[in-house]
Amino acid sequence: MKVITVKCLDDNFSYIVLNEKNNNACVVDPGESEPIIDTVIRERINLKYIMNTHHHSDHVGGNLELKKKFKCKILGFINDKKNIPGIDILIKHKELYRNNDFEFITYHTPGHTKGHVIFYFNQQNILFTGDTLFSLGCGRIFDGTYKQMFSSLNFIKNFSKDTLIYFGHEYTL
């Protein structure tokens, strides 16, 4: 499996998770569609899924155009279903999602939003944290609480030290 980082908007990161055996892929948090479309076409990728960590427009802004263009399915947290545009597959806390291309566990990590989740690709030890954790901080509290965010960050601390973490924004520059 390969992860391709795609810069979106001013400081967002989206990630294309590629199954190198068949070029099938999912994209995590497509804030806009154009850079994803460019990468998918350039790399000859079969985009099959869109995964959303939460409902903010800078993470779901590309959902509908990508779904229409590539006929892919949108996955999101069951408690955020009314907020994620085009959602097809509802996933739950601690759910292991598996298909022929990918396997990951979804964890509910409220704080930034009430319905925020992270995705852990357990076989590769890769974690997509959206806006729960950044390289030098965490996302602002919107409709979650500080207590929830503190608990979610403490949960993330329990992953092994060699876990590769991919976050939703680049603020270190």
Foldseek 3Di string as FASTA:
>chain_A
DDWDWFDDDPWWTKIWDAQVVVLETEIFQQLAAVRVVVVCVVVVHQYAEYEYQAQDNSRQVHPPVCCVVRVHAYEFAPVRVVRHPRHDHHDYAQDWDDDPRATWGWHQQDFLHNRGIKIARPVVLEIEREQLDDPPGGHHGDHGHPVSSVVSVVVVVPRDPPRHYHYTTDDPD
